[in-house]
C-alpha atoms as a PDB file:
ATOM      1  CA  MET A   1      63.640-149.467  53.076  1.00  0.00           C
ATOM      2  CA  SER A   2      65.328-146.237  54.088  1.00  0.00           C
ATOM      3  CA  LYS A   3      63.425-143.035  54.580  1.00  0.00           C
ATOM      4  CA  HIS A   4      64.031-140.506  51.816  1.00  0.00           C
ATOM      5  CA  LYS A   5      65.611-137.149  52.514  1.00  0.00           C
ATOM      6  CA  PRO A   6      62.888-134.480  52.625  1.00  0.00           C
ATOM      7  CA  ILE A   7      62.885-132.151  49.636  1.00  0.00           C
ATOM      8  CA  VAL A   8      62.687-128.446  50.473  1.00  0.00           C
ATOM      9  CA  ALA A   9      62.012-125.968  47.673  1.00  0.00           C
ATOM     10  CA  VAL A  10      63.168-122.374  48.114  1.00  0.00           C
ATOM     11  CA  VAL A  11      61.774-119.575  45.929  1.00  0.00           C
ATOM     12  CA  ASP A  12      63.548-116.215  46.069  1.00  0.00           C
ATOM     13  CA  ASP A  13      64.754-113.735  43.466  1.00  0.00           C
ATOM     14  CA  ASP A  14      68.040-113.201  45.363  1.00  0.00           C
ATOM     15  CA  PRO A  15      70.652-115.667  44.044  1.00  0.00           C
ATOM     16  CA  ARG A  16      72.854-115.182  47.128  1.00  0.00           C
ATOM     17  CA  LEU A  17      70.011-116.190  49.426  1.00  0.00           C
ATOM     18  CA  LEU A  18      69.247-119.232  47.266  1.00  0.00           C
ATOM     19  CA  GLU A  19      72.870-120.332  47.441  1.00  0.00           C
ATOM     20  CA  SER A  20      73.093-119.901  51.217  1.00  0.00           C
ATOM     21  CA  MET A  21      69.735-121.656  51.721  1.00  0.00           C
ATOM     22  CA  GLU A  22      70.911-124.604  49.619  1.00  0.00           C
ATOM     23  CA  GLU A  23      74.032-124.923  51.766  1.00  0.00           C
ATOM     24  CA  LEU A  24      72.054-124.611  55.000  1.00  0.00           C
ATOM     25  CA  LEU A  25      69.372-127.115  54.022  1.00  0.00           C
ATOM     26  CA  GLU A  26      71.791-129.662  52.596  1.00  0.00           C
ATOM     27  CA  SER A  27      74.023-129.426  55.680  1.00  0.00           C
ATOM     28  CA  ALA A  28      70.918-130.245  57.748  1.00  0.00           C
ATOM     29  CA  GLY A  29      70.200-133.371  55.688  1.00  0.00           C
ATOM     30  CA  TYR A  30      67.558-132.012  53.314  1.00  0.00           C
ATOM     31  CA  VAL A  31      67.527-132.023  49.531  1.00  0.00           C
ATOM     32  CA  ALA A  32      67.335-128.374  48.432  1.00  0.00           C
ATOM     33  CA  ARG A  33      65.669-127.219  45.237  1.00  0.00           C
ATOM     34  CA  SER A  34      66.123-123.544  44.321  1.00  0.00           C
ATOM     35  CA  PHE A  35      63.888-121.428  42.118  1.00  0.00           C
ATOM     36  CA  SER A  36      64.376-117.776  41.194  1.00  0.00           C
ATOM     37  CA  SER A  37      60.646-117.153  40.697  1.00  0.00           C
ATOM     38  CA  ALA A  38      57.243-118.584  41.512  1.00  0.00           C
ATOM     39  CA  GLN A  39      56.712-119.224  37.818  1.00  0.00           C
ATOM     40  CA  GLN A  40      59.892-121.305  37.634  1.00  0.00           C
ATOM     41  CA  LEU A  41      58.701-123.467  40.537  1.00  0.00           C
ATOM     42  CA  LEU A  42      55.267-123.947  38.991  1.00  0.00           C
ATOM     43  CA  ILE A  43      56.786-124.969  35.646  1.00  0.00           C
ATOM     44  CA  CYS A  44      58.866-127.620  37.425  1.00  0.00           C
ATOM     45  CA  GLY A  45      55.875-128.694  39.514  1.00  0.00           C
ATOM     46  CA  LEU A  46      55.090-129.360  43.146  1.00  0.00           C
ATOM     47  CA  THR A  47      55.243-133.160  43.016  1.00  0.00           C
ATOM     48  CA  GLY A  48      57.701-134.674  45.452  1.00  0.00           C
ATOM     49  CA  LEU A  49      58.204-131.545  47.542  1.00  0.00           C
ATOM     50  CA  ASP A  50      57.983-131.880  51.318  1.00  0.00           C
ATOM     51  CA  VAL A  51      58.324-128.189  52.277  1.00  0.00           C
ATOM     52  CA  LEU A  52      58.171-124.882  50.426  1.00  0.00           C
ATOM     53  CA  ILE A  53      59.966-121.717  51.547  1.00  0.00           C
ATOM     54  CA  THR A  54      59.114-118.622  49.539  1.00  0.00           C
ATOM     55  CA  ASP A  55      60.003-114.963  49.647  1.00  0.00           C
ATOM     56  CA  ILE A  56      57.025-112.602  49.746  1.00  0.00           C
ATOM     57  CA  GLY A  57      58.341-109.734  47.620  1.00  0.00           C
ATOM     58  CA  MET A  58      59.247-111.026  44.181  1.00  0.00           C
ATOM     59  CA  PRO A  59      58.651-109.721  40.661  1.00  0.00           C
ATOM     60  CA  GLY A  60      55.686-111.327  38.955  1.00  0.00           C
ATOM     61  CA  MET A  61      53.832-113.584  41.355  1.00  0.00           C
ATOM     62  CA  ASP A  62      54.524-112.726  45.005  1.00  0.00           C
ATOM     63  CA  GLY A  63      54.849-115.203  47.852  1.00  0.00           C
ATOM     64  CA  PHE A  64      51.258-114.779  49.021  1.00  0.00           C
ATOM     65  CA  GLU A  65      49.920-115.542  45.539  1.00  0.00           C
ATOM     66  CA  LEU A  66      52.211-118.567  45.281  1.00  0.00           C
ATOM     67  CA  ARG A  67      51.112-119.780  48.715  1.00  0.00           C
ATOM     68  CA  ASP A  68      47.459-119.489  47.640  1.00  0.00           C
ATOM     69  CA  LEU A  69      48.082-121.547  44.483  1.00  0.00           C
ATOM     70  CA  VAL A  70      50.020-124.165  46.433  1.00  0.00           C
ATOM     71  CA  ASN A  71      47.280-124.397  49.066  1.00  0.00           C
ATOM     72  CA  ARG A  72      44.746-125.169  46.318  1.00  0.00           C
ATOM     73  CA  ALA A  73      46.963-127.683  44.507  1.00  0.00           C
ATOM     74  CA  ARG A  74      48.643-129.361  47.505  1.00  0.00           C
ATOM     75  CA  PRO A  75      46.981-128.239  50.742  1.00  0.00           C
ATOM     76  CA  GLU A  76      49.128-130.645  52.777  1.00  0.00           C
ATOM     77  CA  LEU A  77      52.406-129.017  51.637  1.00  0.00           C
ATOM     78  CA  PRO A  78      53.881-126.875  54.436  1.00  0.00           C
ATOM     79  CA  VAL A  79      54.674-123.325  53.279  1.00  0.00           C
ATOM     80  CA  PHE A  80      57.031-120.932  55.065  1.00  0.00           C
ATOM     81  CA  LEU A  81      57.145-117.276  54.039  1.00  0.00           C
ATOM     82  CA  ILE A  82      60.279-115.145  54.324  1.00  0.00           C
ATOM     83  CA  THR A  83      60.691-111.439  53.714  1.00  0.00           C
ATOM     84  CA  GLY A  84      63.278-108.695  53.894  1.00  0.00           C
ATOM     85  CA  ARG A  85      60.586-106.051  53.995  1.00  0.00           C
ATOM     86  CA  HIS A  86      58.688-104.910  57.025  1.00  0.00           C
ATOM     87  CA  GLU A  87      55.283-106.159  55.944  1.00  0.00           C
ATOM     88  CA  ILE A  88      52.795-106.687  58.676  1.00  0.00           C
ATOM     89  CA  VAL A  89      51.106-109.997  58.032  1.00  0.00           C
ATOM     90  CA  ASP A  90      47.506-109.899  59.216  1.00  0.00           C
ATOM     91  CA  GLN A  91      45.507-112.980  60.210  1.00  0.00           C
ATOM     92  CA  ASN A  92      43.822-113.343  56.818  1.00  0.00           C
ATOM     93  CA  ARG A  93      47.093-113.265  54.908  1.00  0.00           C
ATOM     94  CA  ALA A  94      48.724-115.596  57.439  1.00  0.00           C
ATOM     95  CA  LYS A  95      46.220-118.386  56.770  1.00  0.00           C
ATOM     96  CA  GLY A  96      47.686-121.386  55.039  1.00  0.00           C
ATOM     97  CA  MET A  97      51.293-120.944  56.045  1.00  0.00           C
ATOM     98  CA  SER A  98      53.409-122.957  58.426  1.00  0.00           C
ATOM     99  CA  GLY A  99      55.699-120.124  59.471  1.00  0.00           C
ATOM    100  CA  PHE A 100      56.892-116.598  58.804  1.00  0.00           C
ATOM    101  CA  PHE A 101      60.493-115.361  59.050  1.00  0.00           C
ATOM    102  CA  ARG A 102      61.947-111.892  58.541  1.00  0.00           C
ATOM    103  CA  LYS A 103      65.352-111.586  56.851  1.00  0.00           C
ATOM    104  CA  PRO A 104      67.917-111.861  58.194  1.00  0.00           C
ATOM    105  CA  PHE A 105      66.415-114.824  59.992  1.00  0.00           C
ATOM    106  CA  ASP A 106      67.904-117.218  62.503  1.00  0.00           C
ATOM    107  CA  ALA A 107      68.949-120.221  60.423  1.00  0.00           C
ATOM    108  CA  GLN A 108      68.650-122.607  63.363  1.00  0.00           C
ATOM    109  CA  ALA A 109      65.129-121.373  64.139  1.00  0.00           C
ATOM    110  CA  LEU A 110      64.113-121.975  60.516  1.00  0.00           C
ATOM    111  CA  LEU A 111      65.624-125.479  60.532  1.00  0.00           C
ATOM    112  CA  ALA A 112      63.879-126.243  63.826  1.00  0.00           C
ATOM    113  CA  ALA A 113      60.538-125.071  62.405  1.00  0.00           C
ATOM    114  CA  ILE A 114      61.001-127.188  59.271  1.00  0.00           C
ATOM    115  CA  GLY A 115      61.951-130.239  61.343  1.00  0.00           C
ATOM    116  CA  GLU A 116      58.984-129.834  63.668  1.00  0.00           C
ATOM    117  CA  THR A 117      56.601-129.361  60.743  1.00  0.00           C
ATOM    118  CA  LEU A 118      57.888-132.499  59.032  1.00  0.00           C
ATOM    119  CA  ARG A 119      57.652-134.536  62.252  1.00  0.00           C
ATOM    120  CA  ASN A 120      54.078-133.328  62.810  1.00  0.00           C
ATOM    121  CA  HIS A 121      53.197-134.102  59.186  1.00  0.00           C
ATOM    122  CA  ASP A 122      54.596-137.643  59.511  1.00  0.00           C
ATOM    123  CA  THR A 123      52.602-138.156  62.704  1.00  0.00           C
ATOM    124  CA  GLU A 124      49.375-136.887  61.120  1.00  0.00           C
ATOM    125  CA  GLU A 125      49.902-139.049  58.039  1.00  0.00           C
ATOM    126  CA  GLY A 126      50.687-142.074  60.188  1.00  0.00           C
ATOM    127  CA  HIS A 127      53.597-143.154  57.991  1.00  0.00           C
ATOM    128  CA  GLU A 128      57.032-142.203  56.872  1.00  0.00           C
ATOM    129  CA  SER A 129      57.107-139.831  53.944  1.00  0.00           C
END
């Protein structure tokens, strides 16, 4: 049985970023799922996702609120936060996330962080996901 391609969901209200993230993730061998809002992601559901990347500053539910909901529903799901703003993320707000990247971010650094997180998750689970 072959290992499935990890599914990475990206939530951002910038359609250009979603498009470029889809291209980046798919070129790296991931299945990309794009959502223009936290609400859209939640309607579609979290089942089957291997990684979540979410913008912090979005209309409606922000990335921190989404991260908190995800941590309650699927605490094992790695969450990366991205932002174009200059927020300072304190220790309390940083809890429950796998990484934090400021836009424009280094695409290779993000891919490396995702890959490392997935490898660590597979090791902790003791099986292929």
